[in-house]
Amino acid sequence: MENREKIYNTLETSHAMMMAQLNEIDRNRKIYPLWTIREILAHLSGWDDAVLNFLSALIKGETPTVIAPRGADVYNQETVYTREGLSYDRILSEYIQTRAKVMELVRTMPNELITQVSVLPWGAEGSLQDMVVFFGDHEIEHVRDIEKMIEESNQA
């Protein structure tokens, strides 16, 4: 399978898995100590923003900006904080739209940029392929945690 196809499938699969959970989980149920599904979607949208930043820079021939210079944990808090006050529906819409933008850029970007090594959003070096494998796995980790909560609710 071609690199672009692998990246596209990873993004599509992890997103579809998350979307499948949204009607099953209580929107107010804490999944993590301070996060409900709303905050998880805000967090994922924030990282999709990071991917968009990375892709846009590569396409323009620029070096991507390190948008998480203080680390992933601080960036995660910022992505949730900046969406505080937004409704669940607004955050869900952003999650869907941002991923669609990422998918479109992946679909249309030049082949040589798929594996080009550059600066990743957290400052390390890697390619789009490296970043997407990491983010796809990360999103699936959240899906598994949500599935566990749903299962526990169904057993109660």
Protein backbone atom coordinates (compact mmCIF):
# COMPACT_ATOMS: atom_id res chain seq x y z
CA MET A 1 0.00 0.00 0.00
CA GLU A 2 1.30 3.45 -0.94
CA ASN A 3 2.39 5.81 1.87
CA ARG A 4 -0.37 8.33 1.11
CA GLU A 5 -2.98 5.58 1.24
CA LYS A 6 -1.63 4.30 4.57
CA ILE A 7 -1.73 7.78 6.06
CA TYR A 8 -5.22 8.43 4.72
CA ASN A 9 -6.49 5.07 6.00
CA THR A 10 -4.95 5.64 9.44
CA LEU A 11 -6.61 9.04 9.77
CA GLU A 12 -9.91 7.78 8.44
CA THR A 13 -9.97 4.65 10.62
CA SER A 14 -9.14 6.37 13.91
CA HIS A 15 -11.66 9.14 13.18
CA ALA A 16 -14.41 6.67 12.27
CA MET A 17 -13.73 4.69 15.43
CA MET A 18 -14.11 7.84 17.54
CA MET A 19 -17.24 8.96 15.71
CA ALA A 20 -18.83 5.56 16.37
CA GLN A 21 -18.48 6.11 20.13
CA LEU A 22 -20.07 9.55 20.31
CA ASN A 23 -23.68 8.44 20.48
CA GLU A 24 -22.86 5.77 23.04
CA ILE A 25 -21.08 7.83 25.70
CA ASP A 26 -22.81 10.18 28.13
CA ARG A 27 -21.52 13.64 27.17
CA ASN A 28 -21.11 14.57 30.84
CA ARG A 29 -19.36 11.40 31.96
CA LYS A 30 -15.78 11.96 33.04
CA ILE A 31 -13.50 9.78 30.94
CA TYR A 32 -10.36 11.20 32.52
CA PRO A 33 -10.25 13.13 35.80
CA LEU A 34 -10.89 16.50 34.12
CA TRP A 35 -12.11 15.50 30.67
CA THR A 36 -15.44 14.45 29.23
CA ILE A 37 -15.92 13.55 25.56
CA ARG A 38 -16.15 17.28 24.85
CA GLU A 39 -12.59 17.89 26.06
CA ILE A 40 -11.28 14.83 24.23
CA LEU A 41 -12.73 16.14 20.96
CA ALA A 42 -11.26 19.59 21.66
CA HIS A 43 -7.89 17.95 22.31
CA LEU A 44 -8.05 15.92 19.08
CA SER A 45 -9.06 19.01 17.11
CA GLY A 46 -6.07 20.81 18.53
CA TRP A 47 -3.74 18.12 17.26
CA ASP A 48 -5.47 18.15 13.88
CA ASP A 49 -4.72 21.90 13.87
CA ALA A 50 -1.08 20.97 14.49
CA VAL A 51 -1.13 18.55 11.55
CA LEU A 52 -2.71 21.26 9.34
CA ASN A 53 0.03 23.68 10.36
CA PHE A 54 2.67 21.07 9.54
CA LEU A 55 1.14 20.21 6.16
CA SER A 56 0.56 23.83 5.15
CA ALA A 57 4.18 24.71 5.91
CA LEU A 58 5.51 21.74 3.92
CA ILE A 59 3.31 22.58 0.94
CA LYS A 60 4.59 26.20 1.01
CA GLY A 61 8.18 24.96 1.21
CA GLU A 62 8.57 26.37 4.73
CA THR A 63 9.79 24.83 7.96
CA PRO A 64 6.79 23.95 10.16
CA THR A 65 6.34 25.92 13.36
CA VAL A 66 6.88 24.13 16.66
CA ILE A 67 3.45 24.80 18.16
CA ALA A 68 4.02 22.71 21.28
CA PRO A 69 7.41 24.01 22.44
CA ARG A 70 6.51 23.45 26.11
CA GLY A 71 5.54 19.85 25.44
CA ALA A 72 2.45 17.83 24.61
CA ASP A 73 0.85 18.12 28.05
CA VAL A 74 0.89 21.92 27.99
CA TYR A 75 -0.35 21.95 24.39
CA ASN A 76 -3.14 19.53 25.33
CA GLN A 77 -4.26 21.88 28.11
CA GLU A 78 -4.14 24.83 25.73
CA THR A 79 -6.21 23.06 23.07
CA VAL A 80 -8.93 22.37 25.61
CA TYR A 81 -8.71 25.79 27.30
CA THR A 82 -9.01 27.71 24.01
CA ARG A 83 -12.26 25.87 23.30
CA GLU A 84 -13.71 26.45 26.76
CA GLY A 85 -17.17 27.94 26.49
CA LEU A 86 -17.85 26.38 23.10
CA SER A 87 -20.79 24.02 22.95
CA TYR A 88 -20.35 20.30 22.45
CA ASP A 89 -21.96 20.62 19.00
CA ARG A 90 -19.51 23.37 18.00
CA ILE A 91 -16.52 21.32 19.15
CA LEU A 92 -17.84 18.23 17.37
CA SER A 93 -18.33 20.26 14.20
CA GLU A 94 -14.77 21.57 14.47
CA TYR A 95 -13.46 18.03 15.02
CA ILE A 96 -15.22 16.83 11.86
CA GLN A 97 -14.26 19.85 9.74
CA THR A 98 -10.63 19.96 10.85
CA ARG A 99 -10.12 16.28 10.10
CA ALA A 100 -11.75 16.76 6.69
CA LYS A 101 -9.22 19.55 5.96
CA VAL A 102 -6.34 17.31 7.00
CA MET A 103 -7.66 14.52 4.79
CA GLU A 104 -8.00 16.86 1.82
CA LEU A 105 -4.43 18.14 2.19
CA VAL A 106 -3.12 14.59 2.49
CA ARG A 107 -5.07 13.62 -0.62
CA THR A 108 -3.72 16.50 -2.72
CA MET A 109 -0.18 17.17 -1.47
CA PRO A 110 2.82 16.24 -3.63
CA ASN A 111 4.10 12.69 -3.08
CA GLU A 112 7.59 13.76 -2.07
CA LEU A 113 6.19 15.65 0.94
CA ILE A 114 4.61 12.53 2.43
CA THR A 115 7.95 11.19 3.66
CA GLN A 116 9.91 14.45 3.83
CA VAL A 117 11.54 14.82 7.23
CA SER A 118 10.91 18.15 8.93
CA VAL A 119 10.22 19.63 12.35
CA LEU A 120 7.21 18.04 14.02
CA PRO A 121 4.79 20.17 16.12
CA TRP A 122 6.54 19.20 19.37
CA GLY A 123 10.05 19.94 18.06
CA ALA A 124 11.35 16.48 17.14
CA GLU A 125 12.14 15.57 13.55
CA GLY A 126 10.00 13.27 11.48
CA SER A 127 7.71 12.97 8.51
CA LEU A 128 3.99 13.24 8.01
CA GLN A 129 3.91 9.46 8.05
CA ASP A 130 5.61 9.39 11.47
CA MET A 131 3.21 11.99 12.85
CA VAL A 132 0.07 10.31 11.55
CA VAL A 133 1.06 6.89 12.90
CA PHE A 134 1.55 8.52 16.31
CA PHE A 135 -1.71 10.50 16.19
CA GLY A 136 -3.77 7.64 14.80
CA ASP A 137 -2.58 5.36 17.59
CA HIS A 138 -3.19 8.13 20.13
CA GLU A 139 -6.75 8.69 18.92
CA ILE A 140 -7.40 4.95 19.10
CA GLU A 141 -6.13 4.95 22.71
CA HIS A 142 -8.85 7.49 23.51
CA VAL A 143 -11.40 5.35 21.68
CA ARG A 144 -10.42 2.32 23.78
CA ASP A 145 -10.80 4.33 27.00
CA ILE A 146 -14.25 5.49 25.90
CA GLU A 147 -15.25 1.95 24.92
CA LYS A 148 -14.23 0.82 28.40
CA MET A 149 -16.43 3.50 29.99
CA ILE A 150 -19.36 2.51 27.80
CA GLU A 151 -18.89 -1.14 28.72
CA GLU A 152 -18.75 -0.29 32.42
CA SER A 153 -21.96 1.77 32.10
CA ASN A 154 -23.73 -1.07 30.32
CA GLN A 155 -22.72 -3.54 33.03
CA ALA A 156 -23.94 -1.29 35.86
